[in-house]
Amino acid sequence: MEADWRTTLSNQERSKYITELAQILAQISQVNGGDRGNFNLEKLKKTAEQFEKSLYASSSSKELNLDSMRKRIAAMDTAMKK
C-alpha cells in the first residue's frame, strides 16, 4: 500500500499557497472596497487557510491538490484583472 500523499507536501509549500490566496483576496478587497481599511487581512488569511485545508483534505493526490490550488489562484487573479 502506498503512503499517504499528504506526508510529501511540506508545511512550507502549503503556506506558500495560503499566502498567495490571501494576497489575491486582499487585492480583490481593495478593488471592491477602495482602501485597505475596508478589510481585515487576518480574516482574509484565515479564509485562505480554511480553503486550503478543505482542498487538502478532499484531494486524492498531491498533483490534484496542487493543480486545483494553482487553478483557483489563476482564476481569482484573472477575475480580479477584468
C-alpha atoms as a PDB file:
ATOM      1  CA  MET A   1       0.000   0.000   0.000  1.00  0.00           C
ATOM      2  CA  GLU A   2       1.235   3.457  -0.926  1.00  0.00           C
ATOM      3  CA  ALA A   3       1.994   6.078   1.726  1.00  0.00           C
ATOM      4  CA  ASP A   4      -0.434   8.955   2.123  1.00  0.00           C
ATOM      5  CA  TRP A   5       0.500  11.718  -0.321  1.00  0.00           C
ATOM      6  CA  ARG A   6      -0.066  14.329   2.394  1.00  0.00           C
ATOM      7  CA  THR A   7       3.225  13.337   4.023  1.00  0.00           C
ATOM      8  CA  THR A   8       5.044  14.537   0.891  1.00  0.00           C
ATOM      9  CA  LEU A   9       3.654  18.074   0.980  1.00  0.00           C
ATOM     10  CA  SER A  10       5.588  20.350   3.325  1.00  0.00           C
ATOM     11  CA  ASN A  11       4.043  22.973   5.553  1.00  0.00           C
ATOM     12  CA  GLN A  12       6.213  25.477   3.692  1.00  0.00           C
ATOM     13  CA  GLU A  13       4.551  24.552   0.382  1.00  0.00           C
ATOM     14  CA  ARG A  14       1.106  24.799   1.931  1.00  0.00           C
ATOM     15  CA  SER A  15       1.944  28.180   3.486  1.00  0.00           C
ATOM     16  CA  LYS A  16       3.106  29.481   0.122  1.00  0.00           C
ATOM     17  CA  TYR A  17      -0.280  28.806  -1.450  1.00  0.00           C
ATOM     18  CA  ILE A  18      -2.162  30.187   1.554  1.00  0.00           C
ATOM     19  CA  THR A  19      -0.134  33.396   1.296  1.00  0.00           C
ATOM     20  CA  GLU A  20      -0.828  33.673  -2.438  1.00  0.00           C
ATOM     21  CA  LEU A  21      -4.546  33.178  -1.879  1.00  0.00           C
ATOM     22  CA  ALA A  22      -4.616  35.745   0.935  1.00  0.00           C
ATOM     23  CA  GLN A  23      -2.760  38.291  -1.221  1.00  0.00           C
ATOM     24  CA  ILE A  24      -5.213  37.883  -4.077  1.00  0.00           C
ATOM     25  CA  LEU A  25      -8.160  38.146  -1.673  1.00  0.00           C
ATOM     26  CA  ALA A  26      -6.625  41.350  -0.293  1.00  0.00           C
ATOM     27  CA  GLN A  27      -6.224  42.755  -3.797  1.00  0.00           C
ATOM     28  CA  ILE A  28      -9.820  41.867  -4.654  1.00  0.00           C
ATOM     29  CA  SER A  29     -10.978  43.543  -1.442  1.00  0.00           C
ATOM     30  CA  GLN A  30      -9.034  46.671  -2.316  1.00  0.00           C
ATOM     31  CA  VAL A  31     -10.530  46.774  -5.798  1.00  0.00           C
ATOM     32  CA  ASN A  32     -14.057  46.231  -4.481  1.00  0.00           C
ATOM     33  CA  GLY A  33     -13.837  48.313  -1.347  1.00  0.00           C
ATOM     34  CA  GLY A  34     -11.384  51.045  -2.040  1.00  0.00           C
ATOM     35  CA  ASP A  35      -8.752  51.409   0.645  1.00  0.00           C
ATOM     36  CA  ARG A  36      -7.037  48.986   2.997  1.00  0.00           C
ATOM     37  CA  GLY A  37      -9.256  49.998   5.912  1.00  0.00           C
ATOM     38  CA  ASN A  38     -12.217  48.173   4.429  1.00  0.00           C
ATOM     39  CA  PHE A  39     -10.973  44.668   5.099  1.00  0.00           C
ATOM     40  CA  ASN A  40      -9.205  42.658   7.743  1.00  0.00           C
ATOM     41  CA  LEU A  41      -6.020  40.998   6.473  1.00  0.00           C
ATOM     42  CA  GLU A  42      -6.077  38.394   9.242  1.00  0.00           C
ATOM     43  CA  LYS A  43      -9.635  37.442   8.315  1.00  0.00           C
ATOM     44  CA  LEU A  44      -8.621  37.072   4.671  1.00  0.00           C
ATOM     45  CA  LYS A  45      -5.667  34.888   5.651  1.00  0.00           C
ATOM     46  CA  LYS A  46      -7.986  32.731   7.787  1.00  0.00           C
ATOM     47  CA  THR A  47     -10.336  32.357   4.818  1.00  0.00           C
ATOM     48  CA  ALA A  48      -7.402  31.303   2.616  1.00  0.00           C
ATOM     49  CA  GLU A  49      -6.276  28.792   5.278  1.00  0.00           C
ATOM     50  CA  GLN A  50      -9.761  27.296   5.509  1.00  0.00           C
ATOM     51  CA  PHE A  51      -9.986  26.960   1.742  1.00  0.00           C
ATOM     52  CA  GLU A  52      -6.563  25.321   1.553  1.00  0.00           C
ATOM     53  CA  LYS A  53      -7.411  22.906   4.380  1.00  0.00           C
ATOM     54  CA  SER A  54     -10.631  21.903   2.647  1.00  0.00           C
ATOM     55  CA  LEU A  55      -8.856  21.308  -0.643  1.00  0.00           C
ATOM     56  CA  TYR A  56      -6.032  19.453   1.118  1.00  0.00           C
ATOM     57  CA  ALA A  57      -8.482  17.148   2.887  1.00  0.00           C
ATOM     58  CA  SER A  58     -10.554  16.404  -0.208  1.00  0.00           C
ATOM     59  CA  SER A  59      -7.765  15.874  -2.747  1.00  0.00           C
ATOM     60  CA  SER A  60      -6.836  12.323  -3.659  1.00  0.00           C
ATOM     61  CA  SER A  61      -3.263  13.137  -4.678  1.00  0.00           C
ATOM     62  CA  LYS A  62      -0.560  15.765  -4.307  1.00  0.00           C
ATOM     63  CA  GLU A  63      -0.785  16.556  -8.006  1.00  0.00           C
ATOM     64  CA  LEU A  64      -4.558  17.060  -7.829  1.00  0.00           C
ATOM     65  CA  ASN A  65      -4.206  19.253  -4.757  1.00  0.00           C
ATOM     66  CA  LEU A  66      -1.501  21.465  -6.272  1.00  0.00           C
ATOM     67  CA  ASP A  67      -3.241  21.633  -9.646  1.00  0.00           C
ATOM     68  CA  SER A  68      -6.531  22.637  -8.013  1.00  0.00           C
ATOM     69  CA  MET A  69      -4.815  25.276  -5.899  1.00  0.00           C
ATOM     70  CA  ARG A  70      -2.950  26.731  -8.879  1.00  0.00           C
ATOM     71  CA  LYS A  71      -6.145  26.824 -10.949  1.00  0.00           C
ATOM     72  CA  ARG A  72      -8.041  28.579  -8.152  1.00  0.00           C
ATOM     73  CA  ILE A  73      -5.282  31.168  -7.741  1.00  0.00           C
ATOM     74  CA  ALA A  74      -5.123  31.757 -11.502  1.00  0.00           C
ATOM     75  CA  ALA A  75      -8.929  32.054 -11.752  1.00  0.00           C
ATOM     76  CA  MET A  76      -9.066  34.547  -8.899  1.00  0.00           C
ATOM     77  CA  ASP A  77      -6.199  36.541 -10.373  1.00  0.00           C
ATOM     78  CA  THR A  78      -7.854  36.608 -13.803  1.00  0.00           C
ATOM     79  CA  ALA A  79     -11.224  37.623 -12.353  1.00  0.00           C
ATOM     80  CA  MET A  80      -9.622  40.438 -10.419  1.00  0.00           C
ATOM     81  CA  LYS A  81      -7.921  41.856 -13.510  1.00  0.00           C
ATOM     82  CA  LYS A  82     -11.165  42.036 -15.528  1.00  0.00           C
END
